[in-house]
């Protein structure tokens, strides 16, 4: 399977339980978010109004208040329902969070975690503030860690456990960059320093922004090496075609690490191209095996098969699919 190894039974059960708990946590968290803020009575011009106030902690703790109408039997019922719902949602969220905390100890003992604890916390914070697949795609070791959880197979990582993140931003991310920077600047993560195409956090996280300029530099380098048009097209597809996939990795401390991961088909193609054109030979040796490993688990993560043209371009990917029993359409291609 292209260098990936199966988890044992205990590890697989622990990962299955983590995914179940995280689904429950997301549902409880979304419910609790509907009851964010406080509700109460305020008098204006001698009339009591029911108001809802939300504290915007990433906007200088500014408060946003809106009126829900003058005091009446209807607004009194609305206030009571809000307070009861908020309490119920909090109890449920705390209950599931407690189960996640206990399960984190199991995952830590099993040494399943791949993502540094501070990076895991940063990604959870981004998720809680609404950042997701519409904002960016994350590659690198964090994506490999997420493939492990979904596919139940160990992936070949680069040396050590890196806090670095490869992030491909969308236009929506650019629009919400102020909120992202406010989160990144929190004391537990920051301060943040911008260096070329990277953001360097005070706690050691390095976030590489794979912007349009960076991608264009990849294209130019491949063109200088006389790469065929089909490989340039494959590069463009890997960066621009598939959508990010919401997945879950595990922190070194056993905590859940949600992230919008790069499609493993794109990861496989980019690894192959990087090995051919974009790194020096001493660093390129491991990349075909990495491409094969991503290809081998792709069918457990995405429903869509590799394109036939891509299989013809990258034999290491085609071989991994054939060996691992990938998508049916892919295996047919291999027999033509």
Protein backbone atom coordinates (compact mmCIF):
# COMPACT_ATOMS: atom_id res chain seq x y z
CA UNK A 1 0.00 0.00 0.00
CA UNK A 2 2.68 2.49 -0.94
CA UNK A 3 4.44 2.46 2.43
CA UNK A 4 1.42 2.83 4.74
CA UNK A 5 0.78 0.35 7.58
CA UNK A 6 -2.46 -0.71 9.22
CA UNK A 7 -3.26 0.36 12.76
CA UNK A 8 -3.81 -2.47 15.22
CA UNK A 9 -7.24 -3.31 16.62
CA UNK A 10 -6.96 -1.13 19.73
CA UNK A 11 -5.74 1.85 17.71
CA UNK A 12 -8.48 1.44 15.13
CA UNK A 13 -11.18 1.27 17.82
CA UNK A 14 -9.74 4.39 19.46
CA UNK A 15 -9.86 6.29 16.18
CA UNK A 16 -13.42 5.17 15.47
CA UNK A 17 -14.48 6.39 18.89
CA UNK A 18 -12.72 9.71 18.34
CA UNK A 19 -14.62 10.29 15.09
CA UNK A 20 -17.94 9.45 16.78
CA UNK A 21 -17.21 11.78 19.69
CA UNK A 22 -16.14 14.56 17.36
CA UNK A 23 -19.34 14.33 15.32
CA UNK A 24 -21.32 14.59 18.56
CA UNK A 25 -19.13 17.50 19.69
CA UNK A 26 -19.68 19.40 16.44
CA UNK A 27 -23.44 18.96 16.73
CA UNK A 28 -23.43 20.06 20.38
CA UNK A 29 -21.10 22.96 19.59
CA UNK A 30 -23.31 24.17 16.75
CA UNK A 31 -26.34 23.97 19.05
CA UNK A 32 -24.54 25.90 21.80
CA UNK A 33 -23.50 28.56 19.27
CA UNK A 34 -27.17 29.37 18.68
CA UNK A 35 -27.35 30.45 22.32
CA UNK A 36 -24.20 32.59 22.29
CA UNK A 37 -24.33 35.81 24.29
CA UNK A 38 -26.77 36.97 26.93
CA UNK A 39 -30.41 37.96 26.94
CA UNK A 40 -32.12 40.41 29.26
CA UNK A 41 -34.32 43.45 29.75
CA UNK A 42 -33.29 47.03 29.04
CA UNK A 43 -35.35 50.16 29.46
CA UNK A 44 -35.48 52.81 26.76
CA UNK A 45 -37.87 55.72 26.92
CA UNK A 46 -39.74 54.15 29.79
CA UNK A 47 -40.34 50.92 27.84
CA UNK A 48 -38.67 47.60 28.65
CA UNK A 49 -37.19 45.75 25.72
CA UNK A 50 -35.80 42.25 25.47
CA UNK A 51 -32.24 42.50 24.15
CA UNK A 52 -29.67 39.98 22.97
CA UNK A 53 -26.00 40.92 23.50
CA UNK A 54 -22.99 39.14 21.98
CA UNK A 55 -19.40 39.81 22.99
CA UNK A 56 -17.11 40.00 19.93
CA UNK A 57 -13.86 38.87 21.54
CA UNK A 58 -11.80 39.17 18.34
CA UNK A 59 -13.02 42.70 17.73
CA UNK A 60 -11.63 44.29 20.87
CA UNK A 61 -14.34 42.65 23.00
CA UNK A 62 -16.84 44.98 21.37
CA UNK A 63 -20.46 44.16 22.18
CA UNK A 64 -23.26 43.86 19.66
CA UNK A 65 -26.78 44.31 21.02
CA UNK A 66 -30.09 44.01 19.21
CA UNK A 67 -33.64 44.44 20.39
CA UNK A 68 -36.04 41.51 20.28
CA UNK A 69 -39.11 43.58 21.01
CA UNK A 70 -40.91 45.26 23.93
CA UNK A 71 -41.75 43.27 27.03
CA UNK A 72 -44.81 41.10 26.49
CA UNK A 73 -45.95 37.55 27.25
CA UNK A 74 -44.34 36.53 23.95
CA UNK A 75 -40.90 38.04 24.70
CA UNK A 76 -41.04 36.68 28.25
CA UNK A 77 -41.58 33.19 26.85
CA UNK A 78 -38.78 33.81 24.35
CA UNK A 79 -36.42 34.80 27.15
CA UNK A 80 -37.31 31.73 29.21
CA UNK A 81 -36.88 29.42 26.20
CA UNK A 82 -33.50 30.95 25.37
CA UNK A 83 -32.19 30.55 28.91
CA UNK A 84 -33.45 26.97 29.19
CA UNK A 85 -32.02 26.08 25.78
CA UNK A 86 -28.68 27.69 26.60
CA UNK A 87 -28.38 25.74 29.84
CA UNK A 88 -29.32 22.46 28.17
CA UNK A 89 -26.86 23.07 25.32
CA UNK A 90 -24.07 23.90 27.79
CA UNK A 91 -24.67 20.73 29.80
CA UNK A 92 -24.56 18.60 26.63
CA UNK A 93 -21.45 20.32 25.28
CA UNK A 94 -19.65 19.97 28.62
CA UNK A 95 -20.61 16.30 28.75
CA UNK A 96 -19.15 15.52 25.34
CA UNK A 97 -16.09 17.68 25.98
CA UNK A 98 -15.48 15.66 29.13
CA UNK A 99 -15.62 12.43 27.11
CA UNK A 100 -13.20 13.87 24.57
CA UNK A 101 -10.82 14.87 27.37
CA UNK A 102 -10.89 11.33 28.78
CA UNK A 103 -10.43 9.79 25.34
CA UNK A 104 -7.48 12.11 24.66
CA UNK A 105 -5.59 10.27 27.41
CA UNK A 106 -6.22 6.98 25.60
CA UNK A 107 -5.01 8.38 22.28
CA UNK A 108 -1.95 9.89 23.91
CA UNK A 109 -1.12 6.58 25.60
CA UNK A 110 -1.43 4.83 22.23
CA UNK A 111 0.89 7.45 20.68
CA UNK A 112 -1.42 7.99 17.75
CA UNK A 113 -1.05 11.77 17.72
CA UNK A 114 0.87 13.41 14.88
CA UNK A 115 0.14 17.13 15.25
CA UNK A 116 1.82 19.36 17.80
CA UNK A 117 -0.57 20.28 20.61
CA UNK A 118 -0.39 24.04 19.97
CA UNK A 119 -1.10 23.50 16.26
CA UNK A 120 -4.07 21.28 17.14
CA UNK A 121 -5.43 23.98 19.43
CA UNK A 122 -4.96 26.64 16.75
CA UNK A 123 -6.92 24.58 14.22
CA UNK A 124 -9.71 23.99 16.76
CA UNK A 125 -9.87 27.72 17.43
CA UNK A 126 -10.12 28.47 13.71
CA UNK A 127 -12.93 25.95 13.40
CA UNK A 128 -14.82 27.44 16.36
CA UNK A 129 -14.67 30.88 14.70
CA UNK A 130 -16.12 29.59 11.45
CA UNK A 131 -13.04 28.95 9.34
CA UNK A 132 -13.26 25.86 7.16
CA UNK A 133 -13.05 24.41 3.68
CA UNK A 134 -14.50 27.54 2.10
CA UNK A 135 -11.55 29.55 3.46
CA UNK A 136 -8.53 27.39 2.82
CA UNK A 137 -7.07 23.96 2.15
CA UNK A 138 -4.36 22.49 4.38
CA UNK A 139 -1.65 20.17 3.11
CA UNK A 140 1.66 18.94 4.49
CA UNK A 141 2.04 16.69 7.51
CA UNK A 142 -1.26 17.85 9.01
CA UNK A 143 -3.14 16.50 5.99
CA UNK A 144 -1.21 13.22 6.18
CA UNK A 145 -2.19 12.94 9.85
CA UNK A 146 -5.84 13.38 8.87
CA UNK A 147 -5.54 10.71 6.17
CA UNK A 148 -4.30 8.33 8.85
CA UNK A 149 -7.39 8.81 10.97
CA UNK A 150 -9.86 8.36 8.12
CA UNK A 151 -8.04 5.52 6.32
CA UNK A 152 -6.79 3.76 9.49
CA UNK A 153 -3.32 3.49 7.96
CA UNK A 154 -0.03 5.06 8.97
CA UNK A 155 1.40 7.45 6.41
CA UNK A 156 5.07 8.17 5.64
CA UNK A 157 5.88 11.51 7.25
CA UNK A 158 8.82 13.80 6.74
CA UNK A 159 11.40 13.77 9.53
CA UNK A 160 9.96 14.52 12.96
CA UNK A 161 6.56 15.91 13.88
CA UNK A 162 6.24 19.32 12.31
CA UNK A 163 4.13 22.24 13.48
CA UNK A 164 4.26 23.65 9.95
CA UNK A 165 1.10 23.99 7.88
CA UNK A 166 0.77 24.39 4.11
CA UNK A 167 -2.28 26.58 3.55
CA UNK A 168 -3.90 27.35 0.20
CA UNK A 169 -6.17 30.35 0.77
CA UNK A 170 -9.38 31.22 -1.08
CA UNK A 171 -10.85 34.65 -1.73
CA UNK A 172 -13.06 34.19 1.33
CA UNK A 173 -9.95 33.74 3.47
CA UNK A 174 -8.54 36.99 2.12
CA UNK A 175 -11.78 38.72 3.06
CA UNK A 176 -11.68 37.30 6.60
CA UNK A 177 -7.93 37.79 7.05
CA UNK A 178 -8.47 40.32 9.84
CA UNK A 179 -10.26 37.75 12.02
CA UNK A 180 -7.63 35.12 11.19
CA UNK A 181 -4.83 37.48 12.22
CA UNK A 182 -6.65 38.34 15.45
CA UNK A 183 -6.87 34.64 16.33
CA UNK A 184 -3.23 34.03 15.40
CA UNK A 185 -2.10 36.97 17.54
CA UNK A 186 -3.48 35.47 20.76
CA UNK A 187 -0.81 35.08 23.41
CA UNK A 188 -1.00 31.29 23.28
CA UNK A 189 -0.16 31.34 19.53
CA UNK A 190 1.55 34.63 18.73
CA UNK A 191 3.07 37.05 18.21
CA UNK A 192 3.03 36.52 14.46
CA UNK A 193 5.74 37.62 12.05
CA UNK A 194 5.25 37.65 8.29
CA UNK A 195 8.21 36.36 6.28
CA UNK A 196 7.86 36.22 2.51
CA UNK A 197 5.09 33.69 1.92
CA UNK A 198 4.98 32.42 5.51
CA UNK A 199 3.51 33.42 8.85
CA UNK A 200 5.82 32.51 11.75
CA UNK A 201 4.08 32.20 15.12
CA UNK A 202 5.76 32.88 18.42
CA UNK A 203 4.99 29.33 19.59
CA UNK A 204 6.81 27.78 16.63
CA UNK A 205 4.03 27.23 14.10
CA UNK A 206 5.06 28.11 10.56
CA UNK A 207 2.16 28.63 8.20
CA UNK A 208 3.23 28.58 4.55
CA UNK A 209 0.74 30.47 2.38
CA UNK A 210 0.62 28.79 -1.03
CA UNK A 211 -0.69 31.86 -2.82
CA UNK A 212 -1.16 32.35 -6.54
CA UNK A 213 2.36 33.76 -6.78
CA UNK A 214 3.86 30.62 -5.22
CA UNK A 215 1.87 28.37 -7.54
CA UNK A 216 2.95 30.43 -10.55
CA UNK A 217 6.58 30.01 -9.47
CA UNK A 218 6.04 26.21 -9.52
CA UNK A 219 4.67 26.47 -13.06
CA UNK A 220 7.62 28.54 -14.28
CA UNK A 221 10.12 26.12 -12.78
CA UNK A 222 8.42 23.19 -14.48
CA UNK A 223 8.33 25.03 -17.80
CA UNK A 224 12.04 25.76 -17.56
CA UNK A 225 12.56 22.02 -17.11
CA UNK A 226 10.53 21.36 -20.29
CA UNK A 227 7.70 19.65 -18.40
CA UNK A 228 4.99 18.47 -20.83
CA UNK A 229 1.71 20.35 -20.99
CA UNK A 230 -0.10 17.38 -19.45
CA UNK A 231 1.97 17.69 -16.27
CA UNK A 232 1.35 21.45 -16.10
CA UNK A 233 -2.37 20.69 -16.43
CA UNK A 234 -2.08 18.13 -13.62
CA UNK A 235 -0.41 20.77 -11.43
CA UNK A 236 -3.22 23.22 -12.15
CA UNK A 237 -5.84 20.57 -11.34
CA UNK A 238 -4.17 19.66 -8.03
CA UNK A 239 -4.14 23.27 -6.88
CA UNK A 240 -7.43 24.47 -8.32
CA UNK A 241 -9.67 21.45 -8.96
CA UNK A 242 -10.65 19.38 -5.92
CA UNK A 243 -12.33 20.93 -2.90
CA UNK A 244 -10.88 20.64 0.59
CA UNK A 245 -12.15 17.69 2.63
CA UNK A 246 -13.19 18.21 6.27
CA UNK A 247 -11.15 15.64 8.19
CA UNK A 248 -9.86 15.01 11.69
CA UNK A 249 -6.29 14.44 12.85
CA UNK A 250 -4.96 13.79 16.37
CA UNK A 251 -2.69 16.04 18.39
CA UNK A 252 0.30 14.70 20.30
CA UNK A 253 -1.72 15.35 23.44
CA UNK A 254 -4.56 13.20 22.06
CA UNK A 255 -6.84 16.13 21.28
CA UNK A 256 -8.95 16.30 18.10
CA UNK A 257 -7.52 18.37 15.26
CA UNK A 258 -10.13 19.41 12.68
CA UNK A 259 -8.87 20.63 9.33
CA UNK A 260 -9.99 21.11 5.71
CA UNK A 261 -7.45 18.73 4.17
CA UNK A 262 -6.02 18.64 0.69
CA UNK A 263 -7.63 15.94 -1.45
CA UNK A 264 -5.25 12.92 -1.30
CA UNK A 265 -5.39 12.64 -5.10
CA UNK A 266 -4.02 16.18 -5.32
CA UNK A 267 -1.45 15.43 -2.61
CA UNK A 268 -0.25 12.40 -4.61
CA UNK A 269 0.09 14.38 -7.84
CA UNK A 270 1.87 17.31 -6.16
CA UNK A 271 4.29 14.92 -4.44
CA UNK A 272 5.11 13.27 -7.77
CA UNK A 273 5.64 16.60 -9.50
CA UNK A 274 7.70 17.96 -6.63
CA UNK A 275 9.94 14.92 -6.81
CA UNK A 276 10.42 15.36 -10.55
CA UNK A 277 10.94 19.10 -10.80
CA UNK A 278 10.82 21.11 -7.60
CA UNK A 279 13.33 19.76 -5.07
CA UNK A 280 16.95 18.69 -5.16
CA UNK A 281 17.64 14.97 -5.75
CA UNK A 282 18.60 14.28 -2.14
CA UNK A 283 15.16 15.39 -0.96
CA UNK A 284 13.27 13.87 -3.87
CA UNK A 285 13.88 10.23 -2.98
CA UNK A 286 10.97 9.90 -0.55
CA UNK A 287 8.40 11.72 -2.69
CA UNK A 288 7.37 8.87 -5.05
CA UNK A 289 6.67 6.70 -1.98
CA UNK A 290 4.67 9.54 -0.45
CA UNK A 291 2.68 9.94 -3.66
CA UNK A 292 1.99 6.20 -3.68
CA UNK A 293 0.86 6.22 -0.06
CA UNK A 294 -1.59 9.08 -0.69
CA UNK A 295 -2.90 7.35 -3.80
CA UNK A 296 -3.37 4.09 -1.92
CA UNK A 297 -5.68 5.65 0.69
CA UNK A 298 -7.52 8.01 -1.67
CA UNK A 299 -10.48 5.68 -2.24
CA UNK A 300 -11.22 5.57 1.50
CA UNK A 301 -11.32 9.38 1.70
CA UNK A 302 -12.90 10.60 -1.55
CA UNK A 303 -15.51 8.99 -3.76
CA UNK A 304 -14.12 10.30 -7.04
CA UNK A 305 -11.43 8.22 -8.78
CA UNK A 306 -8.19 9.50 -10.25
CA UNK A 307 -8.49 10.81 -13.78
CA UNK A 308 -7.26 8.41 -16.43
CA UNK A 309 -4.80 10.93 -17.79
CA UNK A 310 -3.23 11.37 -14.36
CA UNK A 311 -2.73 7.63 -13.98
CA UNK A 312 -0.92 7.54 -17.30
CA UNK A 313 1.36 10.40 -16.23
CA UNK A 314 2.28 9.02 -12.80
CA UNK A 315 3.01 5.27 -12.76
CA UNK A 316 3.83 5.32 -9.04
CA UNK A 317 0.23 6.43 -8.41
CA UNK A 318 -1.24 3.89 -10.81
CA UNK A 319 0.81 1.07 -9.29
CA UNK A 320 -0.31 2.00 -5.76
CA UNK A 321 -3.96 1.95 -6.78
CA UNK A 322 -3.59 -1.38 -8.56
CA UNK A 323 -1.80 -2.93 -5.58
CA UNK A 324 -4.17 -1.52 -2.99
CA UNK A 325 -7.48 -2.17 -4.72
CA UNK A 326 -8.42 1.46 -5.31
CA UNK A 327 -11.39 2.79 -7.23
CA UNK A 328 -12.89 0.31 -9.69
CA UNK A 329 -12.54 2.75 -12.59
CA UNK A 330 -8.85 3.11 -11.80
CA UNK A 331 -8.21 -0.64 -11.86
CA UNK A 332 -9.95 -0.90 -15.24
CA UNK A 333 -7.57 1.73 -16.56
CA UNK A 334 -4.63 -0.31 -15.37
CA UNK A 335 -5.78 -3.31 -17.43
CA UNK A 336 -6.20 -1.49 -20.72
